[in-house]
Amino acid sequence: MCINRYYRRQFEITGFSNTFVVYKNTFKIRFGGEEMAEEAKKMRTSAKTHFTRKQNEFLKSTNENKGIDTVKRTFAELNEAWNTVQGKHDIYTTHFTEEEVEQSESWITELHELYDEAADIQAQYVNKQIQIEKKQREEINQQEAISMEQERFQTLM
């Protein structure tokens, strides 16, 4: 029996004080299994709630056209929440058999699709805003050129 220090550390970071033991690439909780699974589920649910909140903030920032900086910031927060959800889900599934893990995949797949959709929205928003700013700069340059031509014409008269 060998305790893997990396996984013990990761487990402790997530709020669990128990270690887990590696047996031929499968993880087993050393003690407190039922309680640990319930606690892991609560943590995963909490992470999903946080993800949903950040997703709503992000979508609001794009819908209300809050600007590139705000959209990038809210997407970065959503990205962080997504990473947390993935980690909590992985910890939660350590309590499952392979069959149960496969059944739980729809839960994380649904969130992954929401995250991918948000990533697409963010990219489209940023590209659209860059194009708008570029067009505005071109219009300003064109107006300045027209003003200079008018001034030159005025001096010639």
Protein backbone atom coordinates (compact mmCIF):
# COMPACT_ATOMS: atom_id res chain seq x y z
CA MET A 1 0.00 0.00 0.00
CA CYS A 2 1.44 3.36 -1.05
CA ILE A 3 0.10 6.80 -0.18
CA ASN A 4 0.53 9.19 -3.05
CA ARG A 5 1.66 12.55 -1.61
CA TYR A 6 0.40 14.59 -4.57
CA TYR A 7 -3.15 13.31 -4.19
CA ARG A 8 -3.05 13.63 -0.40
CA ARG A 9 -2.04 17.27 -0.79
CA GLN A 10 -4.73 17.92 -3.42
CA PHE A 11 -7.30 16.31 -1.17
CA GLU A 12 -6.25 18.44 1.81
CA ILE A 13 -6.38 21.62 -0.28
CA THR A 14 -10.00 20.92 -1.09
CA GLY A 15 -10.97 20.87 2.57
CA PHE A 16 -10.76 17.20 3.41
CA SER A 17 -8.34 16.22 6.12
CA ASN A 18 -8.34 12.51 5.25
CA THR A 19 -5.81 11.06 2.87
CA PHE A 20 -6.52 8.60 0.16
CA VAL A 21 -4.60 5.59 -0.93
CA VAL A 22 -3.69 4.55 -4.47
CA TYR A 23 -4.36 0.92 -5.42
CA LYS A 24 -3.51 0.16 -9.06
CA ASN A 25 -4.71 3.54 -10.38
CA THR A 26 -7.98 3.57 -8.43
CA PHE A 27 -8.53 5.81 -5.46
CA LYS A 28 -9.96 4.61 -2.18
CA ILE A 29 -10.75 6.78 0.79
CA ARG A 30 -8.89 5.56 3.84
CA PHE A 31 -11.74 6.25 6.29
CA GLY A 32 -14.98 8.20 6.52
CA GLY A 33 -16.14 7.06 3.06
CA GLU A 34 -19.89 7.76 3.29
CA GLU A 35 -19.41 11.11 5.00
CA MET A 36 -16.63 11.98 2.61
CA ALA A 37 -18.83 11.26 -0.42
CA GLU A 38 -21.62 13.41 1.00
CA GLU A 39 -19.19 16.24 1.79
CA ALA A 40 -17.68 15.98 -1.70
CA LYS A 41 -21.17 16.20 -3.21
CA LYS A 42 -21.93 19.33 -1.17
CA MET A 43 -18.67 20.92 -2.30
CA ARG A 44 -19.40 20.04 -5.93
CA THR A 45 -22.90 21.51 -5.65
CA SER A 46 -21.48 24.67 -4.12
CA ALA A 47 -18.94 24.94 -6.94
CA LYS A 48 -21.73 24.56 -9.51
CA THR A 49 -23.72 27.33 -7.82
CA HIS A 50 -20.67 29.60 -7.95
CA PHE A 51 -20.16 28.68 -11.63
CA THR A 52 -23.78 29.51 -12.44
CA ARG A 53 -23.49 32.88 -10.68
CA LYS A 54 -20.33 33.74 -12.61
CA GLN A 55 -21.92 32.59 -15.86
CA ASN A 56 -24.89 34.90 -15.25
CA GLU A 57 -22.56 37.82 -14.47
CA PHE A 58 -20.63 37.14 -17.66
CA LEU A 59 -23.76 36.93 -19.82
CA LYS A 60 -25.10 40.12 -18.25
CA SER A 61 -21.85 41.96 -19.05
CA THR A 62 -22.09 40.94 -22.72
CA ASN A 63 -25.84 41.58 -23.03
CA GLU A 64 -25.51 45.04 -21.46
CA ASN A 65 -22.43 45.79 -23.58
CA LYS A 66 -20.24 46.63 -20.57
CA GLY A 67 -17.05 46.81 -22.62
CA ILE A 68 -14.10 44.57 -23.39
CA ASP A 69 -12.39 44.96 -20.01
CA THR A 70 -15.50 43.97 -18.05
CA VAL A 71 -16.29 41.07 -20.37
CA LYS A 72 -12.72 39.77 -20.13
CA ARG A 73 -12.75 40.09 -16.33
CA THR A 74 -16.10 38.31 -15.93
CA PHE A 75 -14.99 35.57 -18.32
CA ALA A 76 -11.77 35.10 -16.34
CA GLU A 77 -13.90 34.70 -13.19
CA LEU A 78 -16.10 32.20 -15.03
CA ASN A 79 -12.99 30.32 -16.18
CA GLU A 80 -11.77 30.11 -12.58
CA ALA A 81 -15.19 28.85 -11.46
CA TRP A 82 -15.13 26.24 -14.25
CA ASN A 83 -11.73 24.97 -13.10
CA THR A 84 -13.04 24.71 -9.55
CA VAL A 85 -16.12 22.76 -10.67
CA GLN A 86 -13.94 20.33 -12.59
CA GLY A 87 -11.75 19.74 -9.54
CA LYS A 88 -14.69 19.25 -7.19
CA HIS A 89 -16.35 16.90 -9.67
CA ASP A 90 -13.16 14.86 -9.95
CA ILE A 91 -12.96 14.55 -6.18
CA TYR A 92 -16.62 13.58 -5.97
CA THR A 93 -16.21 10.85 -8.57
CA THR A 94 -13.35 9.26 -6.62
CA HIS A 95 -16.12 7.78 -4.48
CA PHE A 96 -17.71 6.02 -7.46
CA THR A 97 -17.23 2.80 -9.34
CA GLU A 98 -16.34 3.10 -13.02
CA GLU A 99 -19.98 2.56 -13.97
CA GLU A 100 -21.15 5.32 -11.63
CA VAL A 101 -18.47 7.67 -12.99
CA GLU A 102 -19.77 7.11 -16.53
CA GLN A 103 -23.32 7.86 -15.37
CA SER A 104 -22.20 11.11 -13.74
CA GLU A 105 -20.51 12.32 -16.93
CA SER A 106 -23.70 13.96 -18.19
CA TRP A 107 -23.56 16.37 -15.23
CA ILE A 108 -20.08 17.66 -16.03
CA THR A 109 -20.68 17.48 -19.80
CA GLU A 110 -23.65 19.83 -19.47
CA LEU A 111 -21.53 22.36 -17.58
CA HIS A 112 -18.71 21.94 -20.09
CA GLU A 113 -21.10 22.81 -22.91
CA LEU A 114 -22.20 25.94 -21.02
CA TYR A 115 -18.57 26.91 -20.51
CA ASP A 116 -17.72 26.34 -24.19
CA GLU A 117 -20.73 28.44 -25.20
CA ALA A 118 -19.55 31.26 -22.92
CA ALA A 119 -16.04 31.03 -24.41
CA ASP A 120 -17.52 31.41 -27.90
CA ILE A 121 -19.62 34.38 -26.78
CA GLN A 122 -16.56 36.02 -25.23
CA ALA A 123 -14.47 35.57 -28.38
CA GLN A 124 -17.26 36.91 -30.60
CA TYR A 125 -17.87 39.87 -28.30
CA VAL A 126 -14.21 40.84 -28.15
CA ASN A 127 -13.80 40.50 -31.93
CA LYS A 128 -16.95 42.54 -32.56
CA GLN A 129 -15.79 45.29 -30.19
CA ILE A 130 -12.36 45.40 -31.83
CA GLN A 131 -14.01 45.76 -35.24
CA ILE A 132 -16.28 48.55 -33.94
CA GLU A 133 -13.31 50.41 -32.43
CA LYS A 134 -11.33 50.00 -35.65
CA LYS A 135 -14.23 51.36 -37.71
CA GLN A 136 -14.60 54.31 -35.31
CA ARG A 137 -10.89 55.12 -35.64
CA GLU A 138 -11.14 54.97 -39.43
CA GLU A 139 -14.13 57.33 -39.38
CA ILE A 140 -12.29 59.77 -37.11
CA ASN A 141 -9.24 59.68 -39.39
CA GLN A 142 -11.46 60.24 -42.40
CA GLN A 143 -13.19 63.21 -40.72
CA GLU A 144 -9.82 64.69 -39.79
CA ALA A 145 -8.64 64.34 -43.38
CA ILE A 146 -11.79 66.08 -44.63
CA SER A 147 -11.29 68.90 -42.10
CA MET A 148 -7.70 69.36 -43.23
CA GLU A 149 -8.80 69.50 -46.87
CA GLN A 150 -11.47 72.11 -46.02
CA GLU A 151 -8.92 74.22 -44.15
CA ARG A 152 -6.50 74.03 -47.05
CA PHE A 153 -9.27 75.02 -49.45
CA GLN A 154 -10.21 77.95 -47.17
CA THR A 155 -6.63 79.24 -47.20
CA LEU A 156 -6.46 79.06 -50.98
CA MET A 157 -9.51 81.27 -51.38
